[in-house]
Amino acid sequence: MTEAVRILNEFSFDKLGLNRVQAIHMIGNVGSGRVMEKAGMKYEGLLRQYLYSKGKNYDVKMYSILKEDFKKDGE
């Protein structure tokens, strides 16, 4: 999964010309956070009751990576 996120980031920066890619995961999904960190993304913070699903509000963690950070990691 980590490799898939890296490929998505590469496509986002190199082909789409984006400067920032961000992702969220629900608090209880620790594995998703690890995947994002292994792919070079940085934890930015907690978004309280950000996600609404099936009648409930959920807190999520936000991660992001900037183009300049991705290029440093890939060198």
PDB file of N, CA and C in Angstrom:
ATOM      1  N   MET A   1       0.822  -1.190   0.000  1.00  0.00           N
ATOM      2  CA  MET A   1       0.000   0.000   0.000  1.00  0.00           C
ATOM      3  C   MET A   1       0.872   1.262   0.000  1.00  0.00           C
ATOM      4  N   THR A   2       1.963   1.239   0.736  1.00  0.00           N
ATOM      5  CA  THR A   2       2.855   2.400   0.774  1.00  0.00           C
ATOM      6  C   THR A   2       3.360   2.744  -0.624  1.00  0.00           C
ATOM      7  N   GLU A   3       3.717   1.734  -1.383  1.00  0.00           N
ATOM      8  CA  GLU A   3       4.202   1.972  -2.744  1.00  0.00           C
ATOM      9  C   GLU A   3       3.107   2.584  -3.612  1.00  0.00           C
ATOM     10  N   ALA A   4       1.876   2.182  -3.410  1.00  0.00           N
ATOM     11  CA  ALA A   4       0.754   2.752  -4.173  1.00  0.00           C
ATOM     12  C   ALA A   4       0.594   4.240  -3.857  1.00  0.00           C
ATOM     13  N   VAL A   5       0.759   4.614  -2.599  1.00  0.00           N
ATOM     14  CA  VAL A   5       0.653   6.028  -2.217  1.00  0.00           C
ATOM     15  C   VAL A   5       1.813   6.818  -2.830  1.00  0.00           C
ATOM     16  N   ARG A   6       3.003   6.247  -2.825  1.00  0.00           N
ATOM     17  CA  ARG A   6       4.149   6.919  -3.441  1.00  0.00           C
ATOM     18  C   ARG A   6       3.921   7.147  -4.939  1.00  0.00           C
ATOM     19  N   ILE A   7       3.382   6.147  -5.615  1.00  0.00           N
ATOM     20  CA  ILE A   7       3.103   6.277  -7.052  1.00  0.00           C
ATOM     21  C   ILE A   7       2.030   7.342  -7.287  1.00  0.00           C
ATOM     22  N   LEU A   8       1.017   7.360  -6.450  1.00  0.00           N
ATOM     23  CA  LEU A   8      -0.023   8.383  -6.560  1.00  0.00           C
ATOM     24  C   LEU A   8       0.562   9.779  -6.345  1.00  0.00           C
ATOM     25  N   ASN A   9       1.446   9.921  -5.365  1.00  0.00           N
ATOM     26  CA  ASN A   9       2.090  11.213  -5.120  1.00  0.00           C
ATOM     27  C   ASN A   9       2.941  11.626  -6.318  1.00  0.00           C
ATOM     28  N   GLU A  10       3.698  10.694  -6.861  1.00  0.00           N
ATOM     29  CA  GLU A  10       4.529  10.992  -8.025  1.00  0.00           C
ATOM     30  C   GLU A  10       3.667  11.459  -9.198  1.00  0.00           C
ATOM     31  N   PHE A  11       2.586  10.762  -9.461  1.00  0.00           N
ATOM     32  CA  PHE A  11       1.669  11.151 -10.530  1.00  0.00           C
ATOM     33  C   PHE A  11       1.090  12.543 -10.256  1.00  0.00           C
ATOM     34  N   SER A  12       0.695  12.791  -9.017  1.00  0.00           N
ATOM     35  CA  SER A  12       0.095  14.079  -8.646  1.00  0.00           C
ATOM     36  C   SER A  12       1.049  15.245  -8.874  1.00  0.00           C
ATOM     37  N   PHE A  13       2.329  15.045  -8.517  1.00  0.00           N
ATOM     38  CA  PHE A  13       3.300  16.127  -8.656  1.00  0.00           C
ATOM     39  C   PHE A  13       3.837  16.238 -10.080  1.00  0.00           C
ATOM     40  N   ASP A  14       4.201  15.117 -10.687  1.00  0.00           N
ATOM     41  CA  ASP A  14       4.862  15.147 -11.993  1.00  0.00           C
ATOM     42  C   ASP A  14       3.899  15.308 -13.165  1.00  0.00           C
ATOM     43  N   LYS A  15       2.760  14.651 -13.105  1.00  0.00           N
ATOM     44  CA  LYS A  15       1.824  14.690 -14.238  1.00  0.00           C
ATOM     45  C   LYS A  15       0.726  15.740 -14.079  1.00  0.00           C
ATOM     46  N   LEU A  16       0.208  15.872 -12.876  1.00  0.00           N
ATOM     47  CA  LEU A  16      -0.875  16.827 -12.650  1.00  0.00           C
ATOM     48  C   LEU A  16      -0.381  18.211 -12.273  1.00  0.00           C
ATOM     49  N   GLY A  17       0.884  18.304 -11.861  1.00  0.00           N
ATOM     50  CA  GLY A  17       1.457  19.600 -11.499  1.00  0.00           C
ATOM     51  C   GLY A  17       0.977  20.148 -10.162  1.00  0.00           C
ATOM     52  N   LEU A  18       0.519  19.282  -9.276  1.00  0.00           N
ATOM     53  CA  LEU A  18       0.059  19.742  -7.962  1.00  0.00           C
ATOM     54  C   LEU A  18       1.245  20.129  -7.084  1.00  0.00           C
ATOM     55  N   ASN A  19       0.988  20.989  -6.125  1.00  0.00           N
ATOM     56  CA  ASN A  19       2.009  21.378  -5.163  1.00  0.00           C
ATOM     57  C   ASN A  19       1.815  20.665  -3.826  1.00  0.00           C
ATOM     58  N   ARG A  20       0.593  20.197  -3.575  1.00  0.00           N
ATOM     59  CA  ARG A  20       0.269  19.590  -2.281  1.00  0.00           C
ATOM     60  C   ARG A  20      -0.694  18.434  -2.490  1.00  0.00           C
ATOM     61  N   VAL A  21      -0.451  17.355  -1.756  1.00  0.00           N
ATOM     62  CA  VAL A  21      -1.367  16.217  -1.711  1.00  0.00           C
ATOM     63  C   VAL A  21      -1.693  15.990  -0.252  1.00  0.00           C
ATOM     64  N   GLN A  22      -2.973  15.817   0.051  1.00  0.00           N
ATOM     65  CA  GLN A  22      -3.353  15.577   1.436  1.00  0.00           C
ATOM     66  C   GLN A  22      -4.267  14.371   1.521  1.00  0.00           C
ATOM     67  N   ALA A  23      -4.297  13.774   2.704  1.00  0.00           N
ATOM     68  CA  ALA A  23      -5.127  12.597   2.936  1.00  0.00           C
ATOM     69  C   ALA A  23      -5.547  12.574   4.397  1.00  0.00           C
ATOM     70  N   ILE A  24      -6.660  11.925   4.651  1.00  0.00           N
ATOM     71  CA  ILE A  24      -7.152  11.780   6.018  1.00  0.00           C
ATOM     72  C   ILE A  24      -7.407  10.306   6.312  1.00  0.00           C
ATOM     73  N   HIS A  25      -7.427   9.984   7.593  1.00  0.00           N
ATOM     74  CA  HIS A  25      -7.875   8.665   8.013  1.00  0.00           C
ATOM     75  C   HIS A  25      -8.579   8.787   9.354  1.00  0.00           C
ATOM     76  N   MET A  26      -9.509   7.882   9.584  1.00  0.00           N
ATOM     77  CA  MET A  26     -10.232   7.884  10.847  1.00  0.00           C
ATOM     78  C   MET A  26      -9.276   7.513  11.982  1.00  0.00           C
ATOM     79  N   ILE A  27      -9.529   8.066  13.148  1.00  0.00           N
ATOM     80  CA  ILE A  27      -8.653   7.916  14.311  1.00  0.00           C
ATOM     81  C   ILE A  27      -8.274   6.462  14.581  1.00  0.00           C
ATOM     82  N   GLY A  28      -9.203   5.551  14.521  1.00  0.00           N
ATOM     83  CA  GLY A  28      -8.933   4.168  14.869  1.00  0.00           C
ATOM     84  C   GLY A  28      -8.114   3.390  13.847  1.00  0.00           C
ATOM     85  N   ASN A  29      -7.882   3.959  12.677  1.00  0.00           N
ATOM     86  CA  ASN A  29      -7.180   3.256  11.609  1.00  0.00           C
ATOM     87  C   ASN A  29      -5.685   3.607  11.629  1.00  0.00           C
ATOM     88  N   VAL A  30      -4.986   3.049  12.581  1.00  0.00           N
ATOM     89  CA  VAL A  30      -3.566   3.354  12.799  1.00  0.00           C
ATOM     90  C   VAL A  30      -2.724   2.928  11.597  1.00  0.00           C
ATOM     91  N   GLY A  31      -3.068   1.825  10.965  1.00  0.00           N
ATOM     92  CA  GLY A  31      -2.310   1.336   9.813  1.00  0.00           C
ATOM     93  C   GLY A  31      -2.280   2.329   8.668  1.00  0.00           C
ATOM     94  N   SER A  32      -3.393   3.014   8.436  1.00  0.00           N
ATOM     95  CA  SER A  32      -3.413   4.014   7.366  1.00  0.00           C
ATOM     96  C   SER A  32      -2.452   5.160   7.662  1.00  0.00           C
ATOM     97  N   GLY A  33      -2.377   5.562   8.925  1.00  0.00           N
ATOM     98  CA  GLY A  33      -1.433   6.608   9.309  1.00  0.00           C
ATOM     99  C   GLY A  33       0.004   6.189   9.061  1.00  0.00           C
ATOM    100  N   ARG A  34       0.310   4.936   9.366  1.00  0.00           N
ATOM    101  CA  ARG A  34       1.669   4.429   9.128  1.00  0.00           C
ATOM    102  C   ARG A  34       2.005   4.431   7.645  1.00  0.00           C
ATOM    103  N   VAL A  35       1.049   4.035   6.813  1.00  0.00           N
ATOM    104  CA  VAL A  35       1.267   4.035   5.364  1.00  0.00           C
ATOM    105  C   VAL A  35       1.570   5.449   4.883  1.00  0.00           C
ATOM    106  N   MET A  36       0.804   6.423   5.335  1.00  0.00           N
ATOM    107  CA  MET A  36       1.007   7.810   4.915  1.00  0.00           C
ATOM    108  C   MET A  36       2.392   8.310   5.346  1.00  0.00           C
ATOM    109  N   GLU A  37       2.786   7.993   6.573  1.00  0.00           N
ATOM    110  CA  GLU A  37       4.097   8.423   7.057  1.00  0.00           C
ATOM    111  C   GLU A  37       5.227   7.747   6.281  1.00  0.00           C
ATOM    112  N   LYS A  38       5.101   6.451   6.000  1.00  0.00           N
ATOM    113  CA  LYS A  38       6.129   5.742   5.222  1.00  0.00           C
ATOM    114  C   LYS A  38       6.252   6.308   3.809  1.00  0.00           C
ATOM    115  N   ALA A  39       5.155   6.861   3.294  1.00  0.00           N
ATOM    116  CA  ALA A  39       5.160   7.451   1.955  1.00  0.00           C
ATOM    117  C   ALA A  39       5.680   8.891   1.975  1.00  0.00           C
ATOM    118  N   GLY A  40       6.115   9.367   3.144  1.00  0.00           N
ATOM    119  CA  GLY A  40       6.703  10.700   3.248  1.00  0.00           C
ATOM    120  C   GLY A  40       5.745  11.797   3.651  1.00  0.00           C
ATOM    121  N   MET A  41       4.509  11.439   3.933  1.00  0.00           N
ATOM    122  CA  MET A  41       3.530  12.452   4.332  1.00  0.00           C
ATOM    123  C   MET A  41       3.741  12.822   5.796  1.00  0.00           C
ATOM    124  N   LYS A  42       3.405  14.060   6.131  1.00  0.00           N
ATOM    125  CA  LYS A  42       3.578  14.577   7.490  1.00  0.00           C
ATOM    126  C   LYS A  42       2.223  14.755   8.155  1.00  0.00           C
ATOM    127  N   TYR A  43       2.159  14.395   9.435  1.00  0.00           N
ATOM    128  CA  TYR A  43       0.943  14.585  10.220  1.00  0.00           C
ATOM    129  C   TYR A  43       0.727  16.073  10.437  1.00  0.00           C
ATOM    130  N   GLU A  44      -0.475  16.556  10.157  1.00  0.00           N
ATOM    131  CA  GLU A  44      -0.784  17.983  10.320  1.00  0.00           C
ATOM    132  C   GLU A  44      -1.724  18.274  11.467  1.00  0.00           C
ATOM    133  N   GLY A  45      -2.541  17.313  11.837  1.00  0.00           N
ATOM    134  CA  GLY A  45      -3.421  17.580  12.964  1.00  0.00           C
ATOM    135  C   GLY A  45      -4.708  16.787  12.935  1.00  0.00           C
ATOM    136  N   LEU A  46      -5.478  17.006  13.972  1.00  0.00           N
ATOM    137  CA  LEU A  46      -6.748  16.332  14.173  1.00  0.00           C
ATOM    138  C   LEU A  46      -7.872  17.240  13.688  1.00  0.00           C
ATOM    139  N   LEU A  47      -8.759  16.683  12.892  1.00  0.00           N
ATOM    140  CA  LEU A  47      -9.954  17.408  12.446  1.00  0.00           C
ATOM    141  C   LEU A  47     -11.147  16.801  13.180  1.00  0.00           C
ATOM    142  N   ARG A  48     -11.656  17.542  14.119  1.00  0.00           N
ATOM    143  CA  ARG A  48     -12.718  17.031  14.984  1.00  0.00           C
ATOM    144  C   ARG A  48     -14.041  16.963  14.245  1.00  0.00           C
ATOM    145  N   GLN A  49     -14.685  15.798  14.331  1.00  0.00           N
ATOM    146  CA  GLN A  49     -15.981  15.530  13.718  1.00  0.00           C
ATOM    147  C   GLN A  49     -16.030  15.988  12.258  1.00  0.00           C
ATOM    148  N   TYR A  50     -14.963  15.735  11.560  1.00  0.00           N
ATOM    149  CA  TYR A  50     -14.802  16.165  10.161  1.00  0.00           C
ATOM    150  C   TYR A  50     -15.598  15.296   9.192  1.00  0.00           C
ATOM    151  N   LEU A  51     -15.726  14.023   9.509  1.00  0.00           N
ATOM    152  CA  LEU A  51     -16.342  13.067   8.595  1.00  0.00           C
ATOM    153  C   LEU A  51     -17.680  12.602   9.157  1.00  0.00           C
ATOM    154  N   TYR A  52     -18.700  12.649   8.321  1.00  0.00           N
ATOM    155  CA  TYR A  52     -20.022  12.155   8.715  1.00  0.00           C
ATOM    156  C   TYR A  52     -20.328  10.924   7.885  1.00  0.00           C
ATOM    157  N   SER A  53     -20.617   9.820   8.557  1.00  0.00           N
ATOM    158  CA  SER A  53     -20.919   8.570   7.858  1.00  0.00           C
ATOM    159  C   SER A  53     -21.878   7.732   8.680  1.00  0.00           C
ATOM    160  N   LYS A  54     -22.899   7.232   8.040  1.00  0.00           N
ATOM    161  CA  LYS A  54     -23.861   6.322   8.658  1.00  0.00           C
ATOM    162  C   LYS A  54     -24.424   6.878   9.968  1.00  0.00           C
ATOM    163  N   GLY A  55     -24.762   8.155   9.940  1.00  0.00           N
ATOM    164  CA  GLY A  55     -25.413   8.776  11.088  1.00  0.00           C
ATOM    165  C   GLY A  55     -24.516   9.202  12.224  1.00  0.00           C
ATOM    166  N   LYS A  56     -23.192   9.127  12.031  1.00  0.00           N
ATOM    167  CA  LYS A  56     -22.252   9.516  13.094  1.00  0.00           C
ATOM    168  C   LYS A  56     -21.188  10.459  12.555  1.00  0.00           C
ATOM    169  N   ASN A  57     -20.667  11.302  13.445  1.00  0.00           N
ATOM    170  CA  ASN A  57     -19.528  12.161  13.128  1.00  0.00           C
ATOM    171  C   ASN A  57     -18.259  11.503  13.640  1.00  0.00           C
ATOM    172  N   TYR A  58     -17.188  11.607  12.857  1.00  0.00           N
ATOM    173  CA  TYR A  58     -15.916  10.981  13.211  1.00  0.00           C
ATOM    174  C   TYR A  58     -14.774  11.985  13.151  1.00  0.00           C
ATOM    175  N   ASP A  59     -13.853  11.847  14.094  1.00  0.00           N
ATOM    176  CA  ASP A  59     -12.612  12.612  14.060  1.00  0.00           C
ATOM    177  C   ASP A  59     -11.667  11.929  13.076  1.00  0.00           C
ATOM    178  N   VAL A  60     -10.867  12.732  12.392  1.00  0.00           N
ATOM    179  CA  VAL A  60      -9.882  12.185  11.458  1.00  0.00           C
ATOM    180  C   VAL A  60      -8.544  12.875  11.664  1.00  0.00           C
ATOM    181  N   LYS A  61      -7.488  12.213  11.224  1.00  0.00           N
ATOM    182  CA  LYS A  61      -6.151  12.797  11.235  1.00  0.00           C
ATOM    183  C   LYS A  61      -5.795  13.199   9.812  1.00  0.00           C
ATOM    184  N   MET A  62      -5.207  14.383   9.668  1.00  0.00           N
ATOM    185  CA  MET A  62      -4.824  14.927   8.366  1.00  0.00           C
ATOM    186  C   MET A  62      -3.318  14.785   8.159  1.00  0.00           C
ATOM    187  N   TYR A  63      -2.944  14.308   6.977  1.00  0.00           N
ATOM    188  CA  TYR A  63      -1.546  14.193   6.564  1.00  0.00           C
ATOM    189  C   TYR A  63      -1.392  14.900   5.230  1.00  0.00           C
ATOM    190  N   SER A  64      -0.186  15.384   4.943  1.00  0.00           N
ATOM    191  CA  SER A  64       0.062  15.980   3.628  1.00  0.00           C
ATOM    192  C   SER A  64       1.530  15.835   3.250  1.00  0.00           C
ATOM    193  N   ILE A  65       1.772  16.064   1.971  1.00  0.00           N
ATOM    194  CA  ILE A  65       3.136  16.126   1.459  1.00  0.00           C
ATOM    195  C   ILE A  65       3.174  17.227   0.408  1.00  0.00           C
ATOM    196  N   LEU A  66       4.239  17.993   0.412  1.00  0.00           N
ATOM    197  CA  LEU A  66       4.441  19.045  -0.584  1.00  0.00           C
ATOM    198  C   LEU A  66       5.383  18.540  -1.669  1.00  0.00           C
ATOM    199  N   LYS A  67       5.266  19.140  -2.829  1.00  0.00           N
ATOM    200  CA  LYS A  67       6.108  18.738  -3.955  1.00  0.00           C
ATOM    201  C   LYS A  67       7.586  18.814  -3.583  1.00  0.00           C
ATOM    202  N   GLU A  68       7.992  19.888  -2.906  1.00  0.00           N
ATOM    203  CA  GLU A  68       9.411  20.051  -2.548  1.00  0.00           C
ATOM    204  C   GLU A  68       9.881  18.959  -1.590  1.00  0.00           C
ATOM    205  N   ASP A  69       8.993  18.511  -0.687  1.00  0.00           N
ATOM    206  CA  ASP A  69       9.353  17.425   0.228  1.00  0.00           C
ATOM    207  C   ASP A  69       9.443  16.087  -0.506  1.00  0.00           C
ATOM    208  N   PHE A  70       8.542  15.863  -1.442  1.00  0.00           N
ATOM    209  CA  PHE A  70       8.543  14.629  -2.212  1.00  0.00           C
ATOM    210  C   PHE A  70       9.819  14.518  -3.052  1.00  0.00           C
ATOM    211  N   LYS A  71      10.229  15.623  -3.652  1.00  0.00           N
ATOM    212  CA  LYS A  71      11.443  15.615  -4.483  1.00  0.00           C
ATOM    213  C   LYS A  71      12.682  15.364  -3.635  1.00  0.00           C
ATOM    214  N   LYS A  72      12.730  15.890  -2.402  1.00  0.00           N
ATOM    215  CA  LYS A  72      13.866  15.645  -1.519  1.00  0.00           C
ATOM    216  C   LYS A  72      13.972  14.165  -1.166  1.00  0.00           C
ATOM    217  N   ASP A  73      12.814  13.550  -0.852  1.00  0.00           N
ATOM    218  CA  ASP A  73      12.801  12.137  -0.472  1.00  0.00           C
ATOM    219  C   ASP A  73      13.201  11.249  -1.650  1.00  0.00           C
ATOM    220  N   GLY A  74      12.863  11.656  -2.866  1.00  0.00           N
ATOM    221  CA  GLY A  74      13.116  10.837  -4.051  1.00  0.00           C
ATOM    222  C   GLY A  74      14.506  10.981  -4.627  1.00  0.00           C
ATOM    223  N   GLU A  75      15.289  11.922  -4.122  1.00  0.00           N
ATOM    224  CA  GLU A  75      16.635  12.146  -4.667  1.00  0.00           C
ATOM    225  C   GLU A  75      17.595  11.047  -4.260  1.00  0.00           C
TER     226      GLU A  75
END
